[in-house]
């Protein structure tokens, strides 16, 4: 009868029903309509439940003056446009403590919220996919990842406590030209023993070092071009081009390139699992950029183009969200 009301697992909902039914008997208004306006107080000095009086639309006596004595409530009093209702602590404890003892560690959870039809437990559970953390191979687990990890884990636990079918998803960044650059750096500065001891830190140090060298090369190329000199030789032999070729070899399943990439990936994942274990975080599914094959990407691109979602802009294929998202783009996204 009452929407989103589960007194069997949340005793406080019973108080809300009691208030609605009592006022219904006094005013003649529908109890369900009154129930919808009864709301939790945000501060204890305002009681436990609040009811905005104007919502009742009754004339004459003030509802708080006519609300009878109750076995569940200490008092009701007016506070501006609201009636404040205060629980009797002893009566609340009589309901809460048996519920805690019966449900133990599951107390506070509401398994009915996860059902597609709370009135029929035979119906399937609702499913939610929560993708969070999503680290990058060979990069440290920094504070930015920590925020996403904690929030994602917290949300997953909340939904799980409501008996949703929760899928915790970790999408690993493990593909791209940067891994070609990392492989080049490892060939120049790498040490297998140091890598085994602390893979993430060692790979990160190597990447920073090789990226700095590539940055210096780019400056040199820019200077040559600005002075009108030929920079093609440096471009063709430079680290940026070498990294591109190495990544091309990875895409072509070159055994040596793939073996090096797998080594970096597996060592990184092993370290990440240790960090997740310390945070009491686990995942149900792990996917990664490397699973997105070229053929699949092309198929999606063709489908988006056929659906009119993409367009050409300055030599690139883009998605203009202002044409595909209702309302203000920033707010919608």
C-alpha atoms as a PDB file:
ATOM      1  CA  UNK A   1       0.000   0.000   0.000  1.00  0.00           C
ATOM      2  CA  UNK A   2       2.752   2.454   0.925  1.00  0.00           C
ATOM      3  CA  UNK A   3       5.489   3.036  -1.690  1.00  0.00           C
ATOM      4  CA  UNK A   4       9.128   2.253  -0.849  1.00  0.00           C
ATOM      5  CA  UNK A   5       8.061   1.096   2.607  1.00  0.00           C
ATOM      6  CA  UNK A   6       9.667  -1.949   4.240  1.00  0.00           C
ATOM      7  CA  UNK A   7       8.897  -2.054   7.991  1.00  0.00           C
ATOM      8  CA  UNK A   8       9.902  -5.734   8.106  1.00  0.00           C
ATOM      9  CA  UNK A   9      13.547  -4.755   7.512  1.00  0.00           C
ATOM     10  CA  UNK A  10      13.441  -1.093   8.541  1.00  0.00           C
ATOM     11  CA  UNK A  11      11.492  -0.548  11.791  1.00  0.00           C
ATOM     12  CA  UNK A  12      11.556   3.231  11.305  1.00  0.00           C
ATOM     13  CA  UNK A  13       9.220   2.840   8.315  1.00  0.00           C
ATOM     14  CA  UNK A  14       6.632   1.546  10.789  1.00  0.00           C
ATOM     15  CA  UNK A  15       6.642   4.929  12.522  1.00  0.00           C
ATOM     16  CA  UNK A  16       6.016   6.653   9.222  1.00  0.00           C
ATOM     17  CA  UNK A  17       3.021   4.387   8.573  1.00  0.00           C
ATOM     18  CA  UNK A  18       1.731   5.031  12.109  1.00  0.00           C
ATOM     19  CA  UNK A  19       1.874   8.814  11.620  1.00  0.00           C
ATOM     20  CA  UNK A  20       0.139   8.616   8.227  1.00  0.00           C
ATOM     21  CA  UNK A  21      -2.639   6.313   9.426  1.00  0.00           C
ATOM     22  CA  UNK A  22      -3.274   8.294  12.620  1.00  0.00           C
ATOM     23  CA  UNK A  23      -3.563  11.582  10.742  1.00  0.00           C
ATOM     24  CA  UNK A  24      -5.756   9.896   8.133  1.00  0.00           C
ATOM     25  CA  UNK A  25      -8.240   8.883  10.842  1.00  0.00           C
ATOM     26  CA  UNK A  26      -8.272  12.428  12.225  1.00  0.00           C
ATOM     27  CA  UNK A  27      -8.447  14.375   8.968  1.00  0.00           C
ATOM     28  CA  UNK A  28     -10.182  11.955   6.630  1.00  0.00           C
ATOM     29  CA  UNK A  29      -7.351  12.319   4.126  1.00  0.00           C
ATOM     30  CA  UNK A  30      -5.901   9.306   2.334  1.00  0.00           C
ATOM     31  CA  UNK A  31      -3.127   7.711   4.428  1.00  0.00           C
ATOM     32  CA  UNK A  32      -0.997   6.972   1.360  1.00  0.00           C
ATOM     33  CA  UNK A  33      -0.973  10.642   0.350  1.00  0.00           C
ATOM     34  CA  UNK A  34      -0.029  11.704   3.878  1.00  0.00           C
ATOM     35  CA  UNK A  35       2.707   9.054   3.954  1.00  0.00           C
ATOM     36  CA  UNK A  36       4.364  10.599   0.901  1.00  0.00           C
ATOM     37  CA  UNK A  37       4.807  13.917   2.719  1.00  0.00           C
ATOM     38  CA  UNK A  38       6.248  12.479   5.941  1.00  0.00           C
ATOM     39  CA  UNK A  39      10.009  12.997   5.762  1.00  0.00           C
ATOM     40  CA  UNK A  40      13.095  12.370   7.849  1.00  0.00           C
ATOM     41  CA  UNK A  41      14.376  15.209   9.989  1.00  0.00           C
ATOM     42  CA  UNK A  42      17.900  16.397   9.234  1.00  0.00           C
ATOM     43  CA  UNK A  43      18.611  17.452  12.846  1.00  0.00           C
ATOM     44  CA  UNK A  44      17.615  15.840  16.144  1.00  0.00           C
ATOM     45  CA  UNK A  45      16.143  19.076  17.536  1.00  0.00           C
ATOM     46  CA  UNK A  46      13.528  18.840  14.764  1.00  0.00           C
ATOM     47  CA  UNK A  47      12.420  15.387  15.871  1.00  0.00           C
ATOM     48  CA  UNK A  48      12.738  12.118  13.952  1.00  0.00           C
ATOM     49  CA  UNK A  49      10.037  12.669  11.317  1.00  0.00           C
ATOM     50  CA  UNK A  50       8.665  15.898   9.847  1.00  0.00           C
ATOM     51  CA  UNK A  51       5.403  16.691   8.107  1.00  0.00           C
ATOM     52  CA  UNK A  52       4.815  19.969   6.222  1.00  0.00           C
ATOM     53  CA  UNK A  53       1.377  21.113   7.429  1.00  0.00           C
ATOM     54  CA  UNK A  54       0.416  22.972   4.206  1.00  0.00           C
ATOM     55  CA  UNK A  55       0.625  19.635   2.380  1.00  0.00           C
ATOM     56  CA  UNK A  56      -2.408  18.384   4.343  1.00  0.00           C
ATOM     57  CA  UNK A  57      -4.582  21.265   3.104  1.00  0.00           C
ATOM     58  CA  UNK A  58      -6.876  21.215   6.131  1.00  0.00           C
ATOM     59  CA  UNK A  59      -8.526  24.199   7.747  1.00  0.00           C
ATOM     60  CA  UNK A  60      -9.404  24.864  11.341  1.00  0.00           C
ATOM     61  CA  UNK A  61      -7.498  23.023  14.066  1.00  0.00           C
ATOM     62  CA  UNK A  62      -3.755  22.610  13.860  1.00  0.00           C
ATOM     63  CA  UNK A  63      -2.817  18.955  13.258  1.00  0.00           C
ATOM     64  CA  UNK A  64      -0.239  18.944  16.062  1.00  0.00           C
ATOM     65  CA  UNK A  65      -2.968  20.066  18.492  1.00  0.00           C
ATOM     66  CA  UNK A  66      -5.230  17.182  17.540  1.00  0.00           C
ATOM     67  CA  UNK A  67      -2.600  14.420  17.171  1.00  0.00           C
ATOM     68  CA  UNK A  68      -3.434  11.937  19.990  1.00  0.00           C
ATOM     69  CA  UNK A  69      -1.086  10.372  22.504  1.00  0.00           C
ATOM     70  CA  UNK A  70       0.757   7.475  20.946  1.00  0.00           C
ATOM     71  CA  UNK A  71       2.494   4.335  22.167  1.00  0.00           C
ATOM     72  CA  UNK A  72       5.266   4.953  19.620  1.00  0.00           C
ATOM     73  CA  UNK A  73       5.742   8.729  19.866  1.00  0.00           C
ATOM     74  CA  UNK A  74       6.812  10.909  22.774  1.00  0.00           C
ATOM     75  CA  UNK A  75       5.254  14.059  21.392  1.00  0.00           C
ATOM     76  CA  UNK A  76       4.443  16.071  18.314  1.00  0.00           C
ATOM     77  CA  UNK A  77       5.056  19.785  18.172  1.00  0.00           C
ATOM     78  CA  UNK A  78       4.823  22.617  15.671  1.00  0.00           C
ATOM     79  CA  UNK A  79       7.946  24.185  14.214  1.00  0.00           C
ATOM     80  CA  UNK A  80       6.993  26.807  11.644  1.00  0.00           C
ATOM     81  CA  UNK A  81       5.122  25.044   8.838  1.00  0.00           C
ATOM     82  CA  UNK A  82       6.165  21.601  10.103  1.00  0.00           C
ATOM     83  CA  UNK A  83       4.931  19.107  12.672  1.00  0.00           C
ATOM     84  CA  UNK A  84       7.888  17.412  14.375  1.00  0.00           C
ATOM     85  CA  UNK A  85       7.430  13.860  15.649  1.00  0.00           C
ATOM     86  CA  UNK A  86       9.698  12.376  18.340  1.00  0.00           C
ATOM     87  CA  UNK A  87      10.170   8.633  18.858  1.00  0.00           C
ATOM     88  CA  UNK A  88       9.877   6.949  22.235  1.00  0.00           C
ATOM     89  CA  UNK A  89      13.385   5.451  22.586  1.00  0.00           C
ATOM     90  CA  UNK A  90      12.243   2.443  24.624  1.00  0.00           C
ATOM     91  CA  UNK A  91       9.648   1.453  22.023  1.00  0.00           C
ATOM     92  CA  UNK A  92      12.154   1.888  19.205  1.00  0.00           C
ATOM     93  CA  UNK A  93      14.670  -0.350  20.986  1.00  0.00           C
ATOM     94  CA  UNK A  94      12.025  -3.060  21.404  1.00  0.00           C
ATOM     95  CA  UNK A  95      11.805  -3.240  17.616  1.00  0.00           C
ATOM     96  CA  UNK A  96      15.409  -2.597  16.622  1.00  0.00           C
ATOM     97  CA  UNK A  97      17.286  -4.923  19.003  1.00  0.00           C
ATOM     98  CA  UNK A  98      15.410  -8.133  18.017  1.00  0.00           C
ATOM     99  CA  UNK A  99      15.938  -7.193  14.366  1.00  0.00           C
ATOM    100  CA  UNK A 100      19.685  -6.734  14.951  1.00  0.00           C
ATOM    101  CA  UNK A 101      19.965 -10.077  16.764  1.00  0.00           C
ATOM    102  CA  UNK A 102      18.034 -11.859  14.038  1.00  0.00           C
ATOM    103  CA  UNK A 103      19.905 -10.404  11.050  1.00  0.00           C
ATOM    104  CA  UNK A 104      23.370 -10.010  12.636  1.00  0.00           C
ATOM    105  CA  UNK A 105      25.867  -8.732  10.048  1.00  0.00           C
ATOM    106  CA  UNK A 106      23.089  -8.275   7.475  1.00  0.00           C
ATOM    107  CA  UNK A 107      21.151  -5.881   9.674  1.00  0.00           C
ATOM    108  CA  UNK A 108      20.594  -2.571   7.917  1.00  0.00           C
ATOM    109  CA  UNK A 109      20.500  -4.210   4.492  1.00  0.00           C
ATOM    110  CA  UNK A 110      17.289  -4.281   2.511  1.00  0.00           C
ATOM    111  CA  UNK A 111      17.181  -7.242   0.098  1.00  0.00           C
ATOM    112  CA  UNK A 112      13.810  -6.127  -1.255  1.00  0.00           C
ATOM    113  CA  UNK A 113      15.333  -3.098  -2.994  1.00  0.00           C
ATOM    114  CA  UNK A 114      17.203  -5.345  -5.423  1.00  0.00           C
ATOM    115  CA  UNK A 115      14.103  -7.118  -6.710  1.00  0.00           C
ATOM    116  CA  UNK A 116      12.521  -6.033  -9.973  1.00  0.00           C
ATOM    117  CA  UNK A 117       9.194  -6.502  -8.198  1.00  0.00           C
ATOM    118  CA  UNK A 118       9.547  -6.159  -4.389  1.00  0.00           C
ATOM    119  CA  UNK A 119       6.071  -7.667  -3.967  1.00  0.00           C
ATOM    120  CA  UNK A 120       7.150 -10.926  -5.616  1.00  0.00           C
ATOM    121  CA  UNK A 121      10.476 -12.468  -4.531  1.00  0.00           C
ATOM    122  CA  UNK A 122      10.368 -14.893  -7.467  1.00  0.00           C
ATOM    123  CA  UNK A 123      11.176 -12.028  -9.839  1.00  0.00           C
ATOM    124  CA  UNK A 124      14.760 -11.550 -10.945  1.00  0.00           C
ATOM    125  CA  UNK A 125      17.113  -9.139  -9.249  1.00  0.00           C
ATOM    126  CA  UNK A 126      18.070  -5.819 -10.780  1.00  0.00           C
ATOM    127  CA  UNK A 127      21.620  -5.636 -12.120  1.00  0.00           C
ATOM    128  CA  UNK A 128      24.104  -2.794 -11.909  1.00  0.00           C
ATOM    129  CA  UNK A 129      27.601  -2.641 -13.427  1.00  0.00           C
ATOM    130  CA  UNK A 130      30.040  -0.414 -11.523  1.00  0.00           C
ATOM    131  CA  UNK A 131      33.293   0.301 -13.343  1.00  0.00           C
ATOM    132  CA  UNK A 132      35.900   1.860 -11.076  1.00  0.00           C
ATOM    133  CA  UNK A 133      39.590   2.251 -10.245  1.00  0.00           C
ATOM    134  CA  UNK A 134      40.802   1.437 -13.793  1.00  0.00           C
ATOM    135  CA  UNK A 135      44.558   1.781 -13.451  1.00  0.00           C
ATOM    136  CA  UNK A 136      47.138   2.052 -16.216  1.00  0.00           C
ATOM    137  CA  UNK A 137      49.820  -0.616 -16.582  1.00  0.00           C
ATOM    138  CA  UNK A 138      53.251   0.490 -15.373  1.00  0.00           C
ATOM    139  CA  UNK A 139      51.814   3.557 -13.621  1.00  0.00           C
ATOM    140  CA  UNK A 140      51.658   4.034  -9.824  1.00  0.00           C
ATOM    141  CA  UNK A 141      48.430   3.698  -7.851  1.00  0.00           C
ATOM    142  CA  UNK A 142      48.088   7.407  -6.990  1.00  0.00           C
ATOM    143  CA  UNK A 143      45.517   9.480  -5.086  1.00  0.00           C
ATOM    144  CA  UNK A 144      43.355   9.957  -8.177  1.00  0.00           C
ATOM    145  CA  UNK A 145      42.917   6.202  -8.493  1.00  0.00           C
ATOM    146  CA  UNK A 146      42.353   5.887  -4.743  1.00  0.00           C
ATOM    147  CA  UNK A 147      39.350   8.223  -4.864  1.00  0.00           C
ATOM    148  CA  UNK A 148      37.683   6.255  -7.668  1.00  0.00           C
ATOM    149  CA  UNK A 149      38.524   2.955  -5.972  1.00  0.00           C
ATOM    150  CA  UNK A 150      36.995   3.932  -2.624  1.00  0.00           C
ATOM    151  CA  UNK A 151      33.872   5.481  -4.174  1.00  0.00           C
ATOM    152  CA  UNK A 152      33.348   2.530  -6.518  1.00  0.00           C
ATOM    153  CA  UNK A 153      33.814  -0.008  -3.747  1.00  0.00           C
ATOM    154  CA  UNK A 154      31.437   1.924  -1.487  1.00  0.00           C
ATOM    155  CA  UNK A 155      28.709   2.094  -4.153  1.00  0.00           C
ATOM    156  CA  UNK A 156      29.122  -1.601  -4.950  1.00  0.00           C
ATOM    157  CA  UNK A 157      28.719  -2.486  -1.269  1.00  0.00           C
ATOM    158  CA  UNK A 158      25.593  -0.320  -0.984  1.00  0.00           C
ATOM    159  CA  UNK A 159      23.928  -1.985  -3.956  1.00  0.00           C
ATOM    160  CA  UNK A 160      25.026  -5.412  -2.777  1.00  0.00           C
ATOM    161  CA  UNK A 161      23.516  -4.686   0.638  1.00  0.00           C
ATOM    162  CA  UNK A 162      20.242  -4.024  -1.165  1.00  0.00           C
ATOM    163  CA  UNK A 163      20.601  -7.405  -2.897  1.00  0.00           C
ATOM    164  CA  UNK A 164      21.209  -6.063  -6.382  1.00  0.00           C
ATOM    165  CA  UNK A 165      23.151  -8.251  -8.792  1.00  0.00           C
ATOM    166  CA  UNK A 166      26.367  -6.208  -8.677  1.00  0.00           C
ATOM    167  CA  UNK A 167      29.139  -6.556 -11.243  1.00  0.00           C
ATOM    168  CA  UNK A 168      32.367  -4.862 -10.144  1.00  0.00           C
ATOM    169  CA  UNK A 169      34.321  -4.030 -13.290  1.00  0.00           C
ATOM    170  CA  UNK A 170      37.952  -2.969 -13.581  1.00  0.00           C
ATOM    171  CA  UNK A 171      38.936  -1.604 -16.995  1.00  0.00           C
ATOM    172  CA  UNK A 172      42.720  -1.682 -17.271  1.00  0.00           C
ATOM    173  CA  UNK A 173      44.603   0.767 -19.479  1.00  0.00           C
ATOM    174  CA  UNK A 174      47.163  -1.553 -21.084  1.00  0.00           C
ATOM    175  CA  UNK A 175      47.393  -0.643 -24.769  1.00  0.00           C
ATOM    176  CA  UNK A 176      48.739   2.164 -26.913  1.00  0.00           C
ATOM    177  CA  UNK A 177      51.913   3.688 -28.307  1.00  0.00           C
ATOM    178  CA  UNK A 178      53.095   4.555 -24.802  1.00  0.00           C
ATOM    179  CA  UNK A 179      53.816   0.862 -24.214  1.00  0.00           C
ATOM    180  CA  UNK A 180      56.016   0.865 -27.282  1.00  0.00           C
ATOM    181  CA  UNK A 181      57.910   3.778 -25.743  1.00  0.00           C
ATOM    182  CA  UNK A 182      58.118   1.933 -22.420  1.00  0.00           C
ATOM    183  CA  UNK A 183      59.572  -1.140 -24.133  1.00  0.00           C
ATOM    184  CA  UNK A 184      62.230   1.010 -25.811  1.00  0.00           C
ATOM    185  CA  UNK A 185      63.056   2.558 -22.444  1.00  0.00           C
ATOM    186  CA  UNK A 186      63.375  -0.846 -20.816  1.00  0.00           C
ATOM    187  CA  UNK A 187      65.799  -1.971 -23.509  1.00  0.00           C
ATOM    188  CA  UNK A 188      67.907   1.110 -22.799  1.00  0.00           C
ATOM    189  CA  UNK A 189      67.664   1.376 -18.997  1.00  0.00           C
ATOM    190  CA  UNK A 190      65.917  -1.780 -17.785  1.00  0.00           C
ATOM    191  CA  UNK A 191      67.074  -4.349 -15.271  1.00  0.00           C
ATOM    192  CA  UNK A 192      65.156  -7.622 -14.844  1.00  0.00           C
ATOM    193  CA  UNK A 193      66.101  -8.054 -11.187  1.00  0.00           C
ATOM    194  CA  UNK A 194      64.997  -4.526 -10.237  1.00  0.00           C
ATOM    195  CA  UNK A 195      61.809  -5.041 -12.250  1.00  0.00           C
ATOM    196  CA  UNK A 196      60.866  -8.164 -10.274  1.00  0.00           C
ATOM    197  CA  UNK A 197      61.512  -6.433  -6.939  1.00  0.00           C
ATOM    198  CA  UNK A 198      59.333  -3.370  -7.595  1.00  0.00           C
ATOM    199  CA  UNK A 199      57.725  -3.519 -11.051  1.00  0.00           C
ATOM    200  CA  UNK A 200      55.475  -0.466 -10.868  1.00  0.00           C
ATOM    201  CA  UNK A 201      58.050   1.942  -9.511  1.00  0.00           C
ATOM    202  CA  UNK A 202      60.790   0.688 -11.819  1.00  0.00           C
ATOM    203  CA  UNK A 203      58.641   0.850 -14.962  1.00  0.00           C
ATOM    204  CA  UNK A 204      57.394   4.303 -14.012  1.00  0.00           C
ATOM    205  CA  UNK A 205      60.953   5.566 -13.555  1.00  0.00           C
ATOM    206  CA  UNK A 206      61.907   4.154 -16.945  1.00  0.00           C
ATOM    207  CA  UNK A 207      58.887   5.717 -18.624  1.00  0.00           C
ATOM    208  CA  UNK A 208      59.606   9.149 -17.135  1.00  0.00           C
ATOM    209  CA  UNK A 209      63.207   8.924 -18.294  1.00  0.00           C
ATOM    210  CA  UNK A 210      62.454   7.832 -21.867  1.00  0.00           C
ATOM    211  CA  UNK A 211      59.617  10.369 -22.139  1.00  0.00           C
ATOM    212  CA  UNK A 212      62.046  13.140 -21.175  1.00  0.00           C
ATOM    213  CA  UNK A 213      64.428  12.012 -23.919  1.00  0.00           C
ATOM    214  CA  UNK A 214      61.593  12.028 -26.444  1.00  0.00           C
ATOM    215  CA  UNK A 215      60.638  15.531 -25.314  1.00  0.00           C
ATOM    216  CA  UNK A 216      64.198  16.702 -25.932  1.00  0.00           C
ATOM    217  CA  UNK A 217      64.075  15.151 -29.413  1.00  0.00           C
ATOM    218  CA  UNK A 218      60.861  16.997 -30.201  1.00  0.00           C
ATOM    219  CA  UNK A 219      62.425  20.302 -29.181  1.00  0.00           C
ATOM    220  CA  UNK A 220      65.405  19.567 -31.429  1.00  0.00           C
ATOM    221  CA  UNK A 221      63.100  18.737 -34.346  1.00  0.00           C
ATOM    222  CA  UNK A 222      61.151  21.954 -33.769  1.00  0.00           C
ATOM    223  CA  UNK A 223      64.358  24.007 -33.733  1.00  0.00           C
ATOM    224  CA  UNK A 224      65.536  22.419 -36.994  1.00  0.00           C
ATOM    225  CA  UNK A 225      62.214  23.107 -38.694  1.00  0.00           C
ATOM    226  CA  UNK A 226      62.080  26.700 -37.444  1.00  0.00           C
ATOM    227  CA  UNK A 227      65.578  27.322 -38.820  1.00  0.00           C
ATOM    228  CA  UNK A 228      64.610  25.824 -42.188  1.00  0.00           C
ATOM    229  CA  UNK A 229      66.816  22.741 -41.846  1.00  0.00           C
ATOM    230  CA  UNK A 230      65.871  19.165 -42.733  1.00  0.00           C
ATOM    231  CA  UNK A 231      64.521  17.290 -39.682  1.00  0.00           C
ATOM    232  CA  UNK A 232      63.281  14.189 -41.544  1.00  0.00           C
ATOM    233  CA  UNK A 233      66.257  12.021 -40.555  1.00  0.00           C
ATOM    234  CA  UNK A 234      65.755  12.731 -36.858  1.00  0.00           C
ATOM    235  CA  UNK A 235      61.999  12.205 -37.202  1.00  0.00           C
ATOM    236  CA  UNK A 236      62.393   8.843 -38.922  1.00  0.00           C
ATOM    237  CA  UNK A 237      64.982   7.573 -36.440  1.00  0.00           C
ATOM    238  CA  UNK A 238      63.615   9.277 -33.327  1.00  0.00           C
ATOM    239  CA  UNK A 239      62.031   7.713 -30.270  1.00  0.00           C
ATOM    240  CA  UNK A 240      58.515   8.776 -31.235  1.00  0.00           C
ATOM    241  CA  UNK A 241      58.734   6.919 -34.548  1.00  0.00           C
ATOM    242  CA  UNK A 242      60.429   3.919 -32.911  1.00  0.00           C
ATOM    243  CA  UNK A 243      57.634   3.744 -30.340  1.00  0.00           C
ATOM    244  CA  UNK A 244      55.034   3.902 -33.122  1.00  0.00           C
ATOM    245  CA  UNK A 245      56.745   1.034 -34.963  1.00  0.00           C
ATOM    246  CA  UNK A 246      57.009  -1.009 -31.786  1.00  0.00           C
ATOM    247  CA  UNK A 247      53.314  -0.544 -31.079  1.00  0.00           C
ATOM    248  CA  UNK A 248      52.567  -1.516 -34.680  1.00  0.00           C
ATOM    249  CA  UNK A 249      54.507  -4.725 -34.016  1.00  0.00           C
ATOM    250  CA  UNK A 250      52.343  -5.304 -30.929  1.00  0.00           C
ATOM    251  CA  UNK A 251      49.196  -4.839 -33.028  1.00  0.00           C
ATOM    252  CA  UNK A 252      50.610  -7.327 -35.552  1.00  0.00           C
ATOM    253  CA  UNK A 253      51.192  -9.882 -32.749  1.00  0.00           C
ATOM    254  CA  UNK A 254      54.971  -9.853 -33.049  1.00  0.00           C
ATOM    255  CA  UNK A 255      56.098 -12.558 -30.539  1.00  0.00           C
ATOM    256  CA  UNK A 256      58.940 -10.536 -29.005  1.00  0.00           C
ATOM    257  CA  UNK A 257      56.888  -7.354 -28.656  1.00  0.00           C
ATOM    258  CA  UNK A 258      53.895  -9.208 -27.187  1.00  0.00           C
ATOM    259  CA  UNK A 259      56.114 -11.128 -24.743  1.00  0.00           C
ATOM    260  CA  UNK A 260      57.600  -7.876 -23.408  1.00  0.00           C
ATOM    261  CA  UNK A 261      54.149  -6.281 -23.098  1.00  0.00           C
ATOM    262  CA  UNK A 262      52.730  -9.330 -21.296  1.00  0.00           C
ATOM    263  CA  UNK A 263      55.609  -9.270 -18.841  1.00  0.00           C
ATOM    264  CA  UNK A 264      54.989  -5.623 -17.930  1.00  0.00           C
ATOM    265  CA  UNK A 265      51.246  -6.251 -17.725  1.00  0.00           C
ATOM    266  CA  UNK A 266      51.392  -9.355 -15.513  1.00  0.00           C
ATOM    267  CA  UNK A 267      53.902  -7.838 -13.094  1.00  0.00           C
ATOM    268  CA  UNK A 268      51.779  -4.684 -12.820  1.00  0.00           C
ATOM    269  CA  UNK A 269      48.559  -6.625 -12.198  1.00  0.00           C
ATOM    270  CA  UNK A 270      50.248  -8.706  -9.509  1.00  0.00           C
ATOM    271  CA  UNK A 271      51.263  -5.528  -7.690  1.00  0.00           C
ATOM    272  CA  UNK A 272      47.821  -3.957  -8.130  1.00  0.00           C
ATOM    273  CA  UNK A 273      46.122  -7.026  -6.649  1.00  0.00           C
ATOM    274  CA  UNK A 274      48.228  -6.597  -3.528  1.00  0.00           C
ATOM    275  CA  UNK A 275      47.132  -2.951  -3.238  1.00  0.00           C
ATOM    276  CA  UNK A 276      43.475  -3.861  -3.754  1.00  0.00           C
ATOM    277  CA  UNK A 277      43.706  -6.576  -1.089  1.00  0.00           C
ATOM    278  CA  UNK A 278      44.907  -4.006   1.452  1.00  0.00           C
ATOM    279  CA  UNK A 279      41.848  -1.873   0.652  1.00  0.00           C
ATOM    280  CA  UNK A 280      39.483  -4.880   0.809  1.00  0.00           C
ATOM    281  CA  UNK A 281      38.512  -4.293  -2.824  1.00  0.00           C
ATOM    282  CA  UNK A 282      37.682  -7.066  -5.270  1.00  0.00           C
ATOM    283  CA  UNK A 283      36.398  -7.242  -8.841  1.00  0.00           C
ATOM    284  CA  UNK A 284      34.049  -9.643 -10.600  1.00  0.00           C
ATOM    285  CA  UNK A 285      35.241  -8.810 -14.096  1.00  0.00           C
ATOM    286  CA  UNK A 286      38.520  -7.495 -15.467  1.00  0.00           C
ATOM    287  CA  UNK A 287      38.671  -6.168 -18.995  1.00  0.00           C
ATOM    288  CA  UNK A 288      41.262  -4.035 -20.718  1.00  0.00           C
ATOM    289  CA  UNK A 289      42.005  -1.890 -23.734  1.00  0.00           C
ATOM    290  CA  UNK A 290      44.005  -4.730 -25.281  1.00  0.00           C
ATOM    291  CA  UNK A 291      40.830  -6.817 -25.622  1.00  0.00           C
ATOM    292  CA  UNK A 292      39.372  -4.235 -27.989  1.00  0.00           C
ATOM    293  CA  UNK A 293      40.538  -5.666 -31.320  1.00  0.00           C
ATOM    294  CA  UNK A 294      40.918  -3.562 -34.458  1.00  0.00           C
ATOM    295  CA  UNK A 295      38.111  -5.404 -36.250  1.00  0.00           C
ATOM    296  CA  UNK A 296      35.708  -4.731 -33.366  1.00  0.00           C
ATOM    297  CA  UNK A 297      36.682  -1.058 -33.233  1.00  0.00           C
ATOM    298  CA  UNK A 298      36.114  -0.690 -36.980  1.00  0.00           C
ATOM    299  CA  UNK A 299      32.715  -2.391 -36.673  1.00  0.00           C
ATOM    300  CA  UNK A 300      31.647   0.085 -33.980  1.00  0.00           C
ATOM    301  CA  UNK A 301      32.929   2.998 -36.062  1.00  0.00           C
ATOM    302  CA  UNK A 302      30.906   1.830 -39.071  1.00  0.00           C
ATOM    303  CA  UNK A 303      27.778   1.432 -36.938  1.00  0.00           C
ATOM    304  CA  UNK A 304      28.188   4.920 -35.467  1.00  0.00           C
ATOM    305  CA  UNK A 305      28.724   6.381 -38.922  1.00  0.00           C
ATOM    306  CA  UNK A 306      25.646   4.587 -40.285  1.00  0.00           C
ATOM    307  CA  UNK A 307      23.613   5.955 -37.379  1.00  0.00           C
ATOM    308  CA  UNK A 308      24.714   9.500 -38.117  1.00  0.00           C
ATOM    309  CA  UNK A 309      26.578   9.871 -34.816  1.00  0.00           C
ATOM    310  CA  UNK A 310      29.954  10.797 -36.302  1.00  0.00           C
ATOM    311  CA  UNK A 311      31.115  13.532 -38.638  1.00  0.00           C
ATOM    312  CA  UNK A 312      34.327  14.814 -40.183  1.00  0.00           C
ATOM    313  CA  UNK A 313      36.008  17.843 -38.638  1.00  0.00           C
ATOM    314  CA  UNK A 314      39.443  19.169 -39.611  1.00  0.00           C
ATOM    315  CA  UNK A 315      40.554  15.787 -40.908  1.00  0.00           C
ATOM    316  CA  UNK A 316      39.333  13.866 -37.857  1.00  0.00           C
ATOM    317  CA  UNK A 317      36.221  11.811 -37.131  1.00  0.00           C
ATOM    318  CA  UNK A 318      34.349  13.263 -34.157  1.00  0.00           C
ATOM    319  CA  UNK A 319      31.120  12.896 -32.180  1.00  0.00           C
ATOM    320  CA  UNK A 320      29.432  16.260 -31.632  1.00  0.00           C
ATOM    321  CA  UNK A 321      27.623  15.781 -28.330  1.00  0.00           C
ATOM    322  CA  UNK A 322      25.778  19.086 -28.714  1.00  0.00           C
ATOM    323  CA  UNK A 323      23.809  17.433 -31.537  1.00  0.00           C
ATOM    324  CA  UNK A 324      23.263  14.086 -29.823  1.00  0.00           C
ATOM    325  CA  UNK A 325      22.650  14.918 -26.152  1.00  0.00           C
ATOM    326  CA  UNK A 326      19.457  16.693 -25.028  1.00  0.00           C
ATOM    327  CA  UNK A 327      19.770  19.881 -23.010  1.00  0.00           C
ATOM    328  CA  UNK A 328      23.052  21.462 -22.024  1.00  0.00           C
ATOM    329  CA  UNK A 329      25.928  19.159 -22.945  1.00  0.00           C
ATOM    330  CA  UNK A 330      28.032  19.828 -19.858  1.00  0.00           C
ATOM    331  CA  UNK A 331      25.151  19.103 -17.488  1.00  0.00           C
ATOM    332  CA  UNK A 332      23.948  16.022 -19.387  1.00  0.00           C
ATOM    333  CA  UNK A 333      27.401  14.447 -19.503  1.00  0.00           C
END
